[in-house]
């Protein structure tokens, strides 16, 4: 089993390193994402959609309005707000010229 982690302080703390040998004895391995890799971290993808697609200018007019909008989007995520990963993959494909 491989556990994929970002480089958050909680994942890089001494308690994790102290347990790493024990986990490896149980065939559990840690894999740390590269230092800056938002495209590999699902929460970063969600935050990008929230920030650049779903929030509107009026939501930034006050802290309470912004907080309310963010919580509403998170609550409705998967119903009203969705991320189509197929579209992201297709848009980022490299097409090679076969000629």
PDB file of N, CA and C in Angstrom:
ATOM      1  N   UNK A   1       0.845  -1.159   0.000  1.00  0.00           N
ATOM      2  CA  UNK A   1       0.000   0.000   0.000  1.00  0.00           C
ATOM      3  C   UNK A   1       0.903   1.238   0.000  1.00  0.00           C
ATOM      4  N   UNK A   2       0.535   2.205  -0.815  1.00  0.00           N
ATOM      5  CA  UNK A   2       1.272   3.460  -0.878  1.00  0.00           C
ATOM      6  C   UNK A   2       0.336   4.579  -0.448  1.00  0.00           C
ATOM      7  N   UNK A   3       0.793   5.369   0.482  1.00  0.00           N
ATOM      8  CA  UNK A   3       0.032   6.524   0.963  1.00  0.00           C
ATOM      9  C   UNK A   3       0.681   7.765   0.376  1.00  0.00           C
ATOM     10  N   UNK A   4      -0.104   8.536  -0.365  1.00  0.00           N
ATOM     11  CA  UNK A   4       0.401   9.739  -1.026  1.00  0.00           C
ATOM     12  C   UNK A   4       0.095  10.940  -0.136  1.00  0.00           C
ATOM     13  N   UNK A   5       1.125  11.715   0.165  1.00  0.00           N
ATOM     14  CA  UNK A   5       0.991  12.866   1.049  1.00  0.00           C
ATOM     15  C   UNK A   5       1.543  14.120   0.387  1.00  0.00           C
ATOM     16  N   UNK A   6       0.955  15.258   0.753  1.00  0.00           N
ATOM     17  CA  UNK A   6       1.568  16.507   0.319  1.00  0.00           C
ATOM     18  C   UNK A   6       2.645  16.858   1.354  1.00  0.00           C
ATOM     19  N   UNK A   7       3.218  18.008   1.245  1.00  0.00           N
ATOM     20  CA  UNK A   7       4.318  18.372   2.139  1.00  0.00           C
ATOM     21  C   UNK A   7       3.882  19.248   3.292  1.00  0.00           C
ATOM     22  N   UNK A   8       2.634  19.084   3.713  1.00  0.00           N
ATOM     23  CA  UNK A   8       2.147  19.831   4.865  1.00  0.00           C
ATOM     24  C   UNK A   8       2.956  19.504   6.108  1.00  0.00           C
ATOM     25  N   UNK A   9       3.085  20.459   7.011  1.00  0.00           N
ATOM     26  CA  UNK A   9       3.891  20.243   8.221  1.00  0.00           C
ATOM     27  C   UNK A   9       3.462  19.011   9.027  1.00  0.00           C
ATOM     28  N   UNK A  10       2.188  18.733   9.061  1.00  0.00           N
ATOM     29  CA  UNK A  10       1.709  17.578   9.824  1.00  0.00           C
ATOM     30  C   UNK A  10       2.179  16.265   9.200  1.00  0.00           C
ATOM     31  N   UNK A  11       2.403  16.260   7.887  1.00  0.00           N
ATOM     32  CA  UNK A  11       2.873  15.054   7.208  1.00  0.00           C
ATOM     33  C   UNK A  11       4.388  14.887   7.310  1.00  0.00           C
ATOM     34  N   UNK A  12       5.080  15.950   7.589  1.00  0.00           N
ATOM     35  CA  UNK A  12       6.543  15.923   7.661  1.00  0.00           C
ATOM     36  C   UNK A  12       7.044  16.018   9.109  1.00  0.00           C
ATOM     37  N   UNK A  13       6.184  15.775  10.074  1.00  0.00           N
ATOM     38  CA  UNK A  13       6.584  15.905  11.476  1.00  0.00           C
ATOM     39  C   UNK A  13       7.338  14.654  11.947  1.00  0.00           C
ATOM     40  N   UNK A  14       7.990  14.784  13.070  1.00  0.00           N
ATOM     41  CA  UNK A  14       8.813  13.700  13.607  1.00  0.00           C
ATOM     42  C   UNK A  14       7.995  12.450  13.904  1.00  0.00           C
ATOM     43  N   UNK A  15       6.758  12.614  14.348  1.00  0.00           N
ATOM     44  CA  UNK A  15       5.911  11.454  14.667  1.00  0.00           C
ATOM     45  C   UNK A  15       5.702  10.570  13.438  1.00  0.00           C
ATOM     46  N   UNK A  16       5.571  11.175  12.268  1.00  0.00           N
ATOM     47  CA  UNK A  16       5.410  10.407  11.028  1.00  0.00           C
ATOM     48  C   UNK A  16       6.701   9.656  10.721  1.00  0.00           C
ATOM     49  N   UNK A  17       7.837  10.355  10.819  1.00  0.00           N
ATOM     50  CA  UNK A  17       9.118   9.709  10.534  1.00  0.00           C
ATOM     51  C   UNK A  17       9.408   8.579  11.524  1.00  0.00           C
ATOM     52  N   UNK A  18       8.989   8.768  12.790  1.00  0.00           N
ATOM     53  CA  UNK A  18       9.203   7.723  13.793  1.00  0.00           C
ATOM     54  C   UNK A  18       8.449   6.443  13.457  1.00  0.00           C
ATOM     55  N   UNK A  19       7.311   6.555  12.788  1.00  0.00           N
ATOM     56  CA  UNK A  19       6.486   5.398  12.453  1.00  0.00           C
ATOM     57  C   UNK A  19       6.810   4.787  11.091  1.00  0.00           C
ATOM     58  N   UNK A  20       7.566   5.495  10.293  1.00  0.00           N
ATOM     59  CA  UNK A  20       7.776   5.082   8.909  1.00  0.00           C
ATOM     60  C   UNK A  20       8.372   3.674   8.790  1.00  0.00           C
ATOM     61  N   UNK A  21       9.339   3.329   9.592  1.00  0.00           N
ATOM     62  CA  UNK A  21       9.948   1.990   9.526  1.00  0.00           C
ATOM     63  C   UNK A  21       8.924   0.912   9.878  1.00  0.00           C
ATOM     64  N   UNK A  22       8.097   1.172  10.887  1.00  0.00           N
ATOM     65  CA  UNK A  22       7.054   0.211  11.267  1.00  0.00           C
ATOM     66  C   UNK A  22       6.058   0.003  10.128  1.00  0.00           C
ATOM     67  N   UNK A  23       5.668   1.072   9.484  1.00  0.00           N
ATOM     68  CA  UNK A  23       4.714   0.965   8.376  1.00  0.00           C
ATOM     69  C   UNK A  23       5.313   0.186   7.218  1.00  0.00           C
ATOM     70  N   UNK A  24       6.592   0.434   6.927  1.00  0.00           N
ATOM     71  CA  UNK A  24       7.243  -0.270   5.820  1.00  0.00           C
ATOM     72  C   UNK A  24       7.338  -1.770   6.095  1.00  0.00           C
ATOM     73  N   UNK A  25       7.507  -2.157   7.357  1.00  0.00           N
ATOM     74  CA  UNK A  25       7.495  -3.573   7.721  1.00  0.00           C
ATOM     75  C   UNK A  25       6.137  -4.212   7.420  1.00  0.00           C
ATOM     76  N   UNK A  26       5.088  -3.380   7.406  1.00  0.00           N
ATOM     77  CA  UNK A  26       3.726  -3.846   7.109  1.00  0.00           C
ATOM     78  C   UNK A  26       3.361  -3.596   5.643  1.00  0.00           C
ATOM     79  N   UNK A  27       4.376  -3.324   4.813  1.00  0.00           N
ATOM     80  CA  UNK A  27       4.193  -3.044   3.384  1.00  0.00           C
ATOM     81  C   UNK A  27       3.334  -1.813   3.120  1.00  0.00           C
ATOM     82  N   UNK A  28       3.494  -0.807   3.972  1.00  0.00           N
ATOM     83  CA  UNK A  28       2.849   0.493   3.757  1.00  0.00           C
ATOM     84  C   UNK A  28       3.970   1.512   3.561  1.00  0.00           C
ATOM     85  N   UNK A  29       3.904   2.220   2.440  1.00  0.00           N
ATOM     86  CA  UNK A  29       4.974   3.147   2.092  1.00  0.00           C
ATOM     87  C   UNK A  29       4.417   4.546   1.899  1.00  0.00           C
ATOM     88  N   UNK A  30       5.208   5.534   2.272  1.00  0.00           N
ATOM     89  CA  UNK A  30       4.825   6.931   2.098  1.00  0.00           C
ATOM     90  C   UNK A  30       5.445   7.459   0.811  1.00  0.00           C
ATOM     91  N   UNK A  31       4.639   8.185   0.053  1.00  0.00           N
ATOM     92  CA  UNK A  31       5.124   8.860  -1.145  1.00  0.00           C
ATOM     93  C   UNK A  31       4.744  10.327  -1.018  1.00  0.00           C
ATOM     94  N   UNK A  32       5.737  11.191  -0.980  1.00  0.00           N
ATOM     95  CA  UNK A  32       5.482  12.621  -0.852  1.00  0.00           C
ATOM     96  C   UNK A  32       5.438  13.254  -2.235  1.00  0.00           C
ATOM     97  N   UNK A  33       4.395  14.024  -2.469  1.00  0.00           N
ATOM     98  CA  UNK A  33       4.275  14.766  -3.724  1.00  0.00           C
ATOM     99  C   UNK A  33       5.436  15.750  -3.838  1.00  0.00           C
ATOM    100  N   UNK A  34       5.765  16.158  -5.047  1.00  0.00           N
ATOM    101  CA  UNK A  34       6.783  17.213  -5.190  1.00  0.00           C
ATOM    102  C   UNK A  34       6.362  18.458  -4.410  1.00  0.00           C
ATOM    103  N   UNK A  35       7.326  19.265  -4.049  1.00  0.00           N
ATOM    104  CA  UNK A  35       7.070  20.418  -3.190  1.00  0.00           C
ATOM    105  C   UNK A  35       5.927  21.287  -3.695  1.00  0.00           C
ATOM    106  N   UNK A  36       5.936  21.656  -4.946  1.00  0.00           N
ATOM    107  CA  UNK A  36       4.831  22.447  -5.491  1.00  0.00           C
ATOM    108  C   UNK A  36       4.206  21.652  -6.628  1.00  0.00           C
ATOM    109  N   UNK A  37       3.052  21.067  -6.357  1.00  0.00           N
ATOM    110  CA  UNK A  37       2.377  20.247  -7.369  1.00  0.00           C
ATOM    111  C   UNK A  37       0.865  20.330  -7.204  1.00  0.00           C
ATOM    112  N   UNK A  38       0.290  21.529  -7.348  1.00  0.00           N
ATOM    113  CA  UNK A  38      -1.153  21.668  -7.140  1.00  0.00           C
ATOM    114  C   UNK A  38      -1.976  20.810  -8.090  1.00  0.00           C
ATOM    115  N   UNK A  39      -1.447  20.500  -9.266  1.00  0.00           N
ATOM    116  CA  UNK A  39      -2.175  19.680 -10.233  1.00  0.00           C
ATOM    117  C   UNK A  39      -2.304  18.229  -9.768  1.00  0.00           C
ATOM    118  N   UNK A  40      -1.523  17.815  -8.784  1.00  0.00           N
ATOM    119  CA  UNK A  40      -1.590  16.454  -8.269  1.00  0.00           C
ATOM    120  C   UNK A  40      -2.360  16.347  -6.957  1.00  0.00           C
ATOM    121  N   UNK A  41      -2.787  17.456  -6.402  1.00  0.00           N
ATOM    122  CA  UNK A  41      -3.460  17.480  -5.115  1.00  0.00           C
ATOM    123  C   UNK A  41      -4.925  17.861  -5.316  1.00  0.00           C
ATOM    124  N   UNK A  42      -5.856  16.931  -5.106  1.00  0.00           N
ATOM    125  CA  UNK A  42      -7.277  17.210  -5.377  1.00  0.00           C
ATOM    126  C   UNK A  42      -7.828  18.435  -4.650  1.00  0.00           C
ATOM    127  N   UNK A  43      -7.383  18.714  -3.433  1.00  0.00           N
ATOM    128  CA  UNK A  43      -7.913  19.873  -2.723  1.00  0.00           C
ATOM    129  C   UNK A  43      -7.494  21.171  -3.407  1.00  0.00           C
ATOM    130  N   UNK A  44      -6.319  21.178  -4.027  1.00  0.00           N
ATOM    131  CA  UNK A  44      -5.871  22.363  -4.766  1.00  0.00           C
ATOM    132  C   UNK A  44      -6.727  22.581  -6.012  1.00  0.00           C
ATOM    133  N   UNK A  45      -7.113  21.495  -6.659  1.00  0.00           N
ATOM    134  CA  UNK A  45      -7.980  21.591  -7.834  1.00  0.00           C
ATOM    135  C   UNK A  45      -9.338  22.140  -7.417  1.00  0.00           C
ATOM    136  N   UNK A  46      -9.869  21.616  -6.306  1.00  0.00           N
ATOM    137  CA  UNK A  46     -11.154  22.123  -5.797  1.00  0.00           C
ATOM    138  C   UNK A  46     -11.049  23.602  -5.464  1.00  0.00           C
ATOM    139  N   UNK A  47      -9.984  24.007  -4.775  1.00  0.00           N
ATOM    140  CA  UNK A  47      -9.823  25.409  -4.399  1.00  0.00           C
ATOM    141  C   UNK A  47      -9.727  26.300  -5.636  1.00  0.00           C
ATOM    142  N   UNK A  48      -9.031  25.844  -6.678  1.00  0.00           N
ATOM    143  CA  UNK A  48      -8.913  26.637  -7.904  1.00  0.00           C
ATOM    144  C   UNK A  48     -10.276  26.855  -8.547  1.00  0.00           C
ATOM    145  N   UNK A  49     -11.100  25.798  -8.598  1.00  0.00           N
ATOM    146  CA  UNK A  49     -12.444  25.946  -9.148  1.00  0.00           C
ATOM    147  C   UNK A  49     -13.270  26.892  -8.292  1.00  0.00           C
ATOM    148  N   UNK A  50     -13.203  26.724  -6.994  1.00  0.00           N
ATOM    149  CA  UNK A  50     -13.975  27.568  -6.093  1.00  0.00           C
ATOM    150  C   UNK A  50     -13.578  29.033  -6.268  1.00  0.00           C
ATOM    151  N   UNK A  51     -12.287  29.279  -6.263  1.00  0.00           N
ATOM    152  CA  UNK A  51     -11.782  30.651  -6.311  1.00  0.00           C
ATOM    153  C   UNK A  51     -11.997  31.335  -7.657  1.00  0.00           C
ATOM    154  N   UNK A  52     -11.760  30.601  -8.755  1.00  0.00           N
ATOM    155  CA  UNK A  52     -11.755  31.253 -10.060  1.00  0.00           C
ATOM    156  C   UNK A  52     -13.007  31.016 -10.901  1.00  0.00           C
ATOM    157  N   UNK A  53     -13.844  30.052 -10.543  1.00  0.00           N
ATOM    158  CA  UNK A  53     -15.035  29.781 -11.345  1.00  0.00           C
ATOM    159  C   UNK A  53     -16.336  30.015 -10.609  1.00  0.00           C
ATOM    160  N   UNK A  54     -16.399  29.634  -9.352  1.00  0.00           N
ATOM    161  CA  UNK A  54     -17.685  29.631  -8.670  1.00  0.00           C
ATOM    162  C   UNK A  54     -17.930  30.857  -7.798  1.00  0.00           C
ATOM    163  N   UNK A  55     -16.896  31.431  -7.228  1.00  0.00           N
ATOM    164  CA  UNK A  55     -17.084  32.658  -6.462  1.00  0.00           C
ATOM    165  C   UNK A  55     -17.226  33.835  -7.426  1.00  0.00           C
ATOM    166  N   UNK A  56     -18.091  34.771  -7.058  1.00  0.00           N
ATOM    167  CA  UNK A  56     -18.304  35.954  -7.888  1.00  0.00           C
ATOM    168  C   UNK A  56     -17.757  37.179  -7.167  1.00  0.00           C
ATOM    169  N   UNK A  57     -17.573  38.255  -7.907  1.00  0.00           N
ATOM    170  CA  UNK A  57     -17.019  39.478  -7.313  1.00  0.00           C
ATOM    171  C   UNK A  57     -17.811  39.934  -6.096  1.00  0.00           C
ATOM    172  N   UNK A  58     -19.114  39.819  -6.138  1.00  0.00           N
ATOM    173  CA  UNK A  58     -19.936  40.288  -5.013  1.00  0.00           C
ATOM    174  C   UNK A  58     -19.657  39.513  -3.733  1.00  0.00           C
ATOM    175  N   UNK A  59     -19.152  38.288  -3.849  1.00  0.00           N
ATOM    176  CA  UNK A  59     -18.838  37.505  -2.652  1.00  0.00           C
ATOM    177  C   UNK A  59     -17.656  38.090  -1.884  1.00  0.00           C
ATOM    178  N   UNK A  60     -16.818  38.878  -2.543  1.00  0.00           N
ATOM    179  CA  UNK A  60     -15.646  39.456  -1.900  1.00  0.00           C
ATOM    180  C   UNK A  60     -15.935  40.815  -1.247  1.00  0.00           C
ATOM    181  N   UNK A  61     -17.170  41.234  -1.256  1.00  0.00           N
ATOM    182  CA  UNK A  61     -17.493  42.559  -0.709  1.00  0.00           C
ATOM    183  C   UNK A  61     -17.385  42.614   0.817  1.00  0.00           C
ATOM    184  N   UNK A  62     -17.468  41.475   1.482  1.00  0.00           N
ATOM    185  CA  UNK A  62     -17.274  41.442   2.934  1.00  0.00           C
ATOM    186  C   UNK A  62     -16.829  40.045   3.344  1.00  0.00           C
ATOM    187  N   UNK A  63     -16.192  39.983   4.518  1.00  0.00           N
ATOM    188  CA  UNK A  63     -15.715  38.699   5.026  1.00  0.00           C
ATOM    189  C   UNK A  63     -16.887  37.745   5.256  1.00  0.00           C
ATOM    190  N   UNK A  64     -17.960  38.229   5.827  1.00  0.00           N
ATOM    191  CA  UNK A  64     -19.101  37.351   6.124  1.00  0.00           C
ATOM    192  C   UNK A  64     -19.746  36.826   4.837  1.00  0.00           C
ATOM    193  N   UNK A  65     -19.833  37.656   3.824  1.00  0.00           N
ATOM    194  CA  UNK A  65     -20.401  37.213   2.546  1.00  0.00           C
ATOM    195  C   UNK A  65     -19.498  36.171   1.879  1.00  0.00           C
ATOM    196  N   UNK A  66     -18.184  36.383   1.924  1.00  0.00           N
ATOM    197  CA  UNK A  66     -17.244  35.430   1.349  1.00  0.00           C
ATOM    198  C   UNK A  66     -17.324  34.089   2.079  1.00  0.00           C
ATOM    199  N   UNK A  67     -17.327  34.144   3.398  1.00  0.00           N
ATOM    200  CA  UNK A  67     -17.393  32.925   4.190  1.00  0.00           C
ATOM    201  C   UNK A  67     -18.688  32.161   3.920  1.00  0.00           C
ATOM    202  N   UNK A  68     -19.785  32.873   3.841  1.00  0.00           N
ATOM    203  CA  UNK A  68     -21.083  32.259   3.562  1.00  0.00           C
ATOM    204  C   UNK A  68     -21.079  31.589   2.182  1.00  0.00           C
ATOM    205  N   UNK A  69     -20.511  32.252   1.191  1.00  0.00           N
ATOM    206  CA  UNK A  69     -20.464  31.708  -0.170  1.00  0.00           C
ATOM    207  C   UNK A  69     -19.588  30.460  -0.235  1.00  0.00           C
ATOM    208  N   UNK A  70     -18.427  30.498   0.419  1.00  0.00           N
ATOM    209  CA  UNK A  70     -17.523  29.350   0.417  1.00  0.00           C
ATOM    210  C   UNK A  70     -18.192  28.152   1.075  1.00  0.00           C
ATOM    211  N   UNK A  71     -18.824  28.352   2.218  1.00  0.00           N
ATOM    212  CA  UNK A  71     -19.509  27.242   2.895  1.00  0.00           C
ATOM    213  C   UNK A  71     -20.669  26.708   2.058  1.00  0.00           C
ATOM    214  N   UNK A  72     -21.385  27.587   1.379  1.00  0.00           N
ATOM    215  CA  UNK A  72     -22.498  27.146   0.527  1.00  0.00           C
ATOM    216  C   UNK A  72     -21.988  26.295  -0.634  1.00  0.00           C
ATOM    217  N   UNK A  73     -20.899  26.708  -1.249  1.00  0.00           N
ATOM    218  CA  UNK A  73     -20.328  25.947  -2.363  1.00  0.00           C
ATOM    219  C   UNK A  73     -19.849  24.582  -1.883  1.00  0.00           C
ATOM    220  N   UNK A  74     -19.172  24.562  -0.749  1.00  0.00           N
ATOM    221  CA  UNK A  74     -18.691  23.275  -0.221  1.00  0.00           C
ATOM    222  C   UNK A  74     -19.867  22.363   0.125  1.00  0.00           C
ATOM    223  N   UNK A  75     -20.900  22.925   0.699  1.00  0.00           N
ATOM    224  CA  UNK A  75     -22.086  22.136   1.059  1.00  0.00           C
ATOM    225  C   UNK A  75     -22.767  21.555  -0.185  1.00  0.00           C
ATOM    226  N   UNK A  76     -22.765  22.296  -1.289  1.00  0.00           N
ATOM    227  CA  UNK A  76     -23.427  21.866  -2.520  1.00  0.00           C
ATOM    228  C   UNK A  76     -22.480  21.186  -3.512  1.00  0.00           C
ATOM    229  N   UNK A  77     -21.228  20.983  -3.084  1.00  0.00           N
ATOM    230  CA  UNK A  77     -20.274  20.327  -3.973  1.00  0.00           C
ATOM    231  C   UNK A  77     -20.722  18.889  -4.232  1.00  0.00           C
ATOM    232  N   UNK A  78     -20.704  18.511  -5.495  1.00  0.00           N
ATOM    233  CA  UNK A  78     -21.158  17.179  -5.896  1.00  0.00           C
ATOM    234  C   UNK A  78     -22.592  17.195  -6.382  1.00  0.00           C
ATOM    235  N   UNK A  79     -23.323  18.249  -6.050  1.00  0.00           N
ATOM    236  CA  UNK A  79     -24.700  18.399  -6.515  1.00  0.00           C
ATOM    237  C   UNK A  79     -24.760  19.532  -7.539  1.00  0.00           C
ATOM    238  N   UNK A  80     -24.674  20.746  -7.038  1.00  0.00           N
ATOM    239  CA  UNK A  80     -24.734  21.916  -7.924  1.00  0.00           C
ATOM    240  C   UNK A  80     -23.354  22.276  -8.486  1.00  0.00           C
ATOM    241  N   UNK A  81     -22.326  22.036  -7.710  1.00  0.00           N
ATOM    242  CA  UNK A  81     -20.954  22.354  -8.126  1.00  0.00           C
ATOM    243  C   UNK A  81     -20.198  21.048  -8.339  1.00  0.00           C
ATOM    244  N   UNK A  82     -19.676  20.867  -9.552  1.00  0.00           N
ATOM    245  CA  UNK A  82     -18.967  19.636  -9.906  1.00  0.00           C
ATOM    246  C   UNK A  82     -17.729  19.959 -10.713  1.00  0.00           C
ATOM    247  N   UNK A  83     -16.753  19.071 -10.616  1.00  0.00           N
ATOM    248  CA  UNK A  83     -15.543  19.178 -11.420  1.00  0.00           C
ATOM    249  C   UNK A  83     -15.523  17.978 -12.348  1.00  0.00           C
ATOM    250  N   UNK A  84     -15.486  18.235 -13.633  1.00  0.00           N
ATOM    251  CA  UNK A  84     -15.430  17.157 -14.618  1.00  0.00           C
ATOM    252  C   UNK A  84     -13.952  16.932 -14.972  1.00  0.00           C
ATOM    253  N   UNK A  85     -13.382  15.886 -14.402  1.00  0.00           N
ATOM    254  CA  UNK A  85     -11.971  15.619 -14.639  1.00  0.00           C
ATOM    255  C   UNK A  85     -11.714  15.154 -16.067  1.00  0.00           C
ATOM    256  N   UNK A  86     -12.709  14.544 -16.706  1.00  0.00           N
ATOM    257  CA  UNK A  86     -12.542  14.156 -18.105  1.00  0.00           C
ATOM    258  C   UNK A  86     -12.238  15.374 -18.963  1.00  0.00           C
ATOM    259  N   UNK A  87     -12.943  16.446 -18.714  1.00  0.00           N
ATOM    260  CA  UNK A  87     -12.714  17.679 -19.460  1.00  0.00           C
ATOM    261  C   UNK A  87     -11.325  18.241 -19.210  1.00  0.00           C
ATOM    262  N   UNK A  88     -10.856  18.136 -17.972  1.00  0.00           N
ATOM    263  CA  UNK A  88      -9.511  18.620 -17.661  1.00  0.00           C
ATOM    264  C   UNK A  88      -8.455  17.780 -18.357  1.00  0.00           C
ATOM    265  N   UNK A  89      -8.648  16.475 -18.380  1.00  0.00           N
ATOM    266  CA  UNK A  89      -7.687  15.581 -19.019  1.00  0.00           C
ATOM    267  C   UNK A  89      -7.655  15.832 -20.522  1.00  0.00           C
ATOM    268  N   UNK A  90      -8.827  15.901 -21.137  1.00  0.00           N
ATOM    269  CA  UNK A  90      -8.890  16.104 -22.593  1.00  0.00           C
ATOM    270  C   UNK A  90      -8.289  17.442 -23.005  1.00  0.00           C
ATOM    271  N   UNK A  91      -8.504  18.463 -22.209  1.00  0.00           N
ATOM    272  CA  UNK A  91      -7.983  19.785 -22.537  1.00  0.00           C
ATOM    273  C   UNK A  91      -6.462  19.826 -22.432  1.00  0.00           C
ATOM    274  N   UNK A  92      -5.886  18.972 -21.579  1.00  0.00           N
ATOM    275  CA  UNK A  92      -4.449  18.996 -21.354  1.00  0.00           C
ATOM    276  C   UNK A  92      -3.684  17.939 -22.138  1.00  0.00           C
ATOM    277  N   UNK A  93      -4.363  17.219 -23.013  1.00  0.00           N
ATOM    278  CA  UNK A  93      -3.678  16.208 -23.818  1.00  0.00           C
ATOM    279  C   UNK A  93      -2.817  16.879 -24.882  1.00  0.00           C
ATOM    280  N   UNK A  94      -1.687  16.271 -25.135  1.00  0.00           N
ATOM    281  CA  UNK A  94      -0.803  16.746 -26.191  1.00  0.00           C
ATOM    282  C   UNK A  94      -1.094  15.939 -27.436  1.00  0.00           C
ATOM    283  N   UNK A  95      -1.359  16.620 -28.547  1.00  0.00           N
ATOM    284  CA  UNK A  95      -1.630  15.929 -29.806  1.00  0.00           C
ATOM    285  C   UNK A  95      -0.350  15.951 -30.644  1.00  0.00           C
ATOM    286  N   UNK A  96       0.032  14.757 -31.091  1.00  0.00           N
ATOM    287  CA  UNK A  96       1.230  14.648 -31.921  1.00  0.00           C
ATOM    288  C   UNK A  96       0.842  14.545 -33.381  1.00  0.00           C
ATOM    289  N   UNK A  97       1.594  15.175 -34.200  1.00  0.00           N
ATOM    290  CA  UNK A  97       1.363  15.131 -35.635  1.00  0.00           C
ATOM    291  C   UNK A  97       1.963  13.832 -36.177  1.00  0.00           C
ATOM    292  N   UNK A  98       1.122  13.003 -36.774  1.00  0.00           N
ATOM    293  CA  UNK A  98       1.599  11.708 -37.250  1.00  0.00           C
ATOM    294  C   UNK A  98       2.214  11.805 -38.644  1.00  0.00           C
ATOM    295  N   UNK A  99       2.181  12.974 -39.258  1.00  0.00           N
ATOM    296  CA  UNK A  99       2.719  13.111 -40.608  1.00  0.00           C
ATOM    297  C   UNK A  99       4.222  13.202 -40.613  1.00  0.00           C
TER     298      UNK A  99
END
